[in-house]
Amino acid sequence: MNLNNEWRKSRRSQNDANCVELRSTLDQLRDSKNAAGPILRGNVRALTRAIRDGRFDR
């Protein structure tokens, strides 16, 4: 199994829900409804940490 090509969606999401998928390498996100669409590339761990730390709160 090649983990570099695997995408995963939250276990809490439902089939018809709006959500994102995370690449197993933790460096890419995409819209689960449009797998062929644009991909957001970046440091997902740093993004998650910033969200948890409240850096995007208003």
N, C-alpha and C. Protein backbone atom coordinates (compact mmCIF):
# COMPACT_ATOMS: atom_id res chain seq x y z
N MET A 1 0.83 -1.18 0.00
CA MET A 1 0.00 0.00 0.00
C MET A 1 0.88 1.25 0.00
N ASN A 2 0.62 2.18 -0.91
CA ASN A 2 1.39 3.42 -1.00
C ASN A 2 0.67 4.52 -0.23
N LEU A 3 1.13 4.84 0.96
CA LEU A 3 0.47 5.85 1.79
C LEU A 3 0.58 7.25 1.22
N ASN A 4 1.54 7.50 0.33
CA ASN A 4 1.70 8.83 -0.23
C ASN A 4 0.54 9.23 -1.14
N ASN A 5 -0.26 8.28 -1.58
CA ASN A 5 -1.36 8.58 -2.48
C ASN A 5 -2.72 8.45 -1.82
N GLU A 6 -2.77 8.25 -0.52
CA GLU A 6 -4.04 8.04 0.15
C GLU A 6 -4.62 9.35 0.68
N TRP A 7 -5.91 9.50 0.50
CA TRP A 7 -6.66 10.63 1.03
C TRP A 7 -7.63 10.07 2.06
N ARG A 8 -7.88 10.83 3.12
CA ARG A 8 -8.82 10.37 4.12
C ARG A 8 -9.75 11.51 4.53
N LYS A 9 -10.93 11.12 4.92
CA LYS A 9 -11.96 12.06 5.33
C LYS A 9 -12.26 11.76 6.79
N SER A 10 -12.72 12.73 7.51
CA SER A 10 -13.06 12.54 8.92
C SER A 10 -14.08 11.42 9.09
N ARG A 11 -13.89 10.63 10.11
CA ARG A 11 -14.86 9.57 10.41
C ARG A 11 -16.20 10.17 10.82
N ARG A 12 -16.19 11.42 11.29
CA ARG A 12 -17.43 12.07 11.73
C ARG A 12 -18.22 12.65 10.57
N SER A 13 -17.62 12.77 9.42
CA SER A 13 -18.35 13.33 8.28
C SER A 13 -19.29 12.28 7.71
N GLN A 14 -20.34 12.75 7.10
CA GLN A 14 -21.28 11.85 6.46
C GLN A 14 -21.10 11.95 4.95
N ASN A 15 -21.62 11.01 4.21
CA ASN A 15 -21.41 10.97 2.77
C ASN A 15 -21.87 12.23 2.05
N ASP A 16 -22.92 12.86 2.51
CA ASP A 16 -23.42 14.05 1.84
C ASP A 16 -22.97 15.35 2.49
N ALA A 17 -22.10 15.29 3.46
CA ALA A 17 -21.66 16.48 4.19
C ALA A 17 -20.55 17.22 3.45
N ASN A 18 -20.47 18.50 3.68
CA ASN A 18 -19.37 19.30 3.15
C ASN A 18 -18.15 19.07 4.04
N CYS A 19 -17.10 18.60 3.46
CA CYS A 19 -15.89 18.38 4.26
C CYS A 19 -14.67 18.37 3.35
N VAL A 20 -13.53 18.26 3.96
CA VAL A 20 -12.28 18.19 3.22
C VAL A 20 -11.65 16.84 3.45
N GLU A 21 -10.74 16.49 2.56
CA GLU A 21 -9.95 15.27 2.72
C GLU A 21 -8.50 15.68 2.95
N LEU A 22 -7.80 14.89 3.72
CA LEU A 22 -6.42 15.13 4.08
C LEU A 22 -5.55 14.05 3.47
N ARG A 23 -4.47 14.45 2.84
CA ARG A 23 -3.54 13.48 2.27
C ARG A 23 -2.76 12.82 3.40
N SER A 24 -2.45 11.57 3.24
CA SER A 24 -1.76 10.83 4.30
C SER A 24 -0.39 11.41 4.65
N THR A 25 0.17 12.20 3.74
CA THR A 25 1.47 12.84 4.00
C THR A 25 1.31 14.12 4.82
N LEU A 26 0.07 14.50 5.15
CA LEU A 26 -0.26 15.66 5.98
C LEU A 26 0.23 16.98 5.38
N ASP A 27 0.26 17.07 4.06
CA ASP A 27 0.71 18.31 3.44
C ASP A 27 -0.26 18.83 2.37
N GLN A 28 -1.43 18.18 2.24
CA GLN A 28 -2.39 18.61 1.23
C GLN A 28 -3.82 18.39 1.72
N LEU A 29 -4.70 19.33 1.33
CA LEU A 29 -6.13 19.24 1.61
C LEU A 29 -6.88 19.42 0.31
N ARG A 30 -8.06 18.81 0.20
CA ARG A 30 -8.91 19.02 -0.97
C ARG A 30 -10.37 18.88 -0.57
N ASP A 31 -11.25 19.38 -1.41
CA ASP A 31 -12.68 19.28 -1.21
C ASP A 31 -13.11 17.85 -1.52
N SER A 32 -13.78 17.21 -0.60
CA SER A 32 -14.16 15.81 -0.81
C SER A 32 -15.16 15.63 -1.94
N LYS A 33 -15.91 16.67 -2.26
CA LYS A 33 -16.90 16.57 -3.34
C LYS A 33 -16.26 16.77 -4.71
N ASN A 34 -15.05 17.28 -4.77
CA ASN A 34 -14.39 17.58 -6.03
C ASN A 34 -12.94 17.09 -5.98
N ALA A 35 -12.76 15.80 -6.01
CA ALA A 35 -11.41 15.22 -5.88
C ALA A 35 -10.47 15.64 -7.00
N ALA A 36 -11.01 15.99 -8.16
CA ALA A 36 -10.17 16.41 -9.28
C ALA A 36 -9.91 17.92 -9.26
N GLY A 37 -10.50 18.61 -8.30
CA GLY A 37 -10.36 20.07 -8.22
C GLY A 37 -9.06 20.51 -7.59
N PRO A 38 -9.00 21.77 -7.19
CA PRO A 38 -7.76 22.33 -6.64
C PRO A 38 -7.38 21.67 -5.30
N ILE A 39 -6.10 21.69 -5.02
CA ILE A 39 -5.55 21.13 -3.79
C ILE A 39 -4.82 22.25 -3.05
N LEU A 40 -5.08 22.34 -1.75
CA LEU A 40 -4.37 23.29 -0.90
C LEU A 40 -3.15 22.58 -0.35
N ARG A 41 -1.99 23.11 -0.68
CA ARG A 41 -0.74 22.51 -0.20
C ARG A 41 -0.14 23.38 0.89
N GLY A 42 0.35 22.75 1.93
CA GLY A 42 0.97 23.49 3.03
C GLY A 42 1.22 22.57 4.20
N ASN A 43 1.64 23.16 5.28
CA ASN A 43 1.94 22.42 6.49
C ASN A 43 0.65 22.28 7.29
N VAL A 44 -0.05 21.16 7.11
CA VAL A 44 -1.34 20.95 7.74
C VAL A 44 -1.20 20.88 9.26
N ARG A 45 -0.13 20.32 9.75
CA ARG A 45 0.07 20.26 11.21
C ARG A 45 0.17 21.66 11.79
N ALA A 46 0.91 22.54 11.13
CA ALA A 46 1.04 23.92 11.62
C ALA A 46 -0.31 24.64 11.54
N LEU A 47 -1.07 24.40 10.48
CA LEU A 47 -2.39 25.00 10.34
C LEU A 47 -3.31 24.53 11.47
N THR A 48 -3.32 23.24 11.73
CA THR A 48 -4.14 22.70 12.81
C THR A 48 -3.74 23.29 14.15
N ARG A 49 -2.45 23.40 14.40
CA ARG A 49 -1.96 23.97 15.65
C ARG A 49 -2.40 25.42 15.80
N ALA A 50 -2.33 26.19 14.70
CA ALA A 50 -2.75 27.59 14.74
C ALA A 50 -4.24 27.72 15.02
N ILE A 51 -5.03 26.84 14.44
CA ILE A 51 -6.48 26.86 14.70
C ILE A 51 -6.75 26.55 16.15
N ARG A 52 -6.11 25.53 16.67
CA ARG A 52 -6.30 25.15 18.08
C ARG A 52 -5.84 26.25 19.03
N ASP A 53 -4.81 26.98 18.65
CA ASP A 53 -4.29 28.06 19.49
C ASP A 53 -5.13 29.33 19.41
N GLY A 54 -6.13 29.32 18.52
CA GLY A 54 -7.01 30.47 18.40
C GLY A 54 -6.47 31.60 17.55
N ARG A 55 -5.48 31.35 16.72
CA ARG A 55 -4.86 32.42 15.93
C ARG A 55 -5.79 32.98 14.86
N PHE A 56 -6.88 32.27 14.55
CA PHE A 56 -7.83 32.75 13.55
C PHE A 56 -9.13 33.26 14.17
N ASP A 57 -9.20 33.25 15.50
CA ASP A 57 -10.39 33.76 16.17
C ASP A 57 -10.47 35.26 15.99
N ARG A 58 -11.68 35.75 15.91
CA ARG A 58 -11.87 37.20 15.76
C ARG A 58 -12.04 37.85 17.08
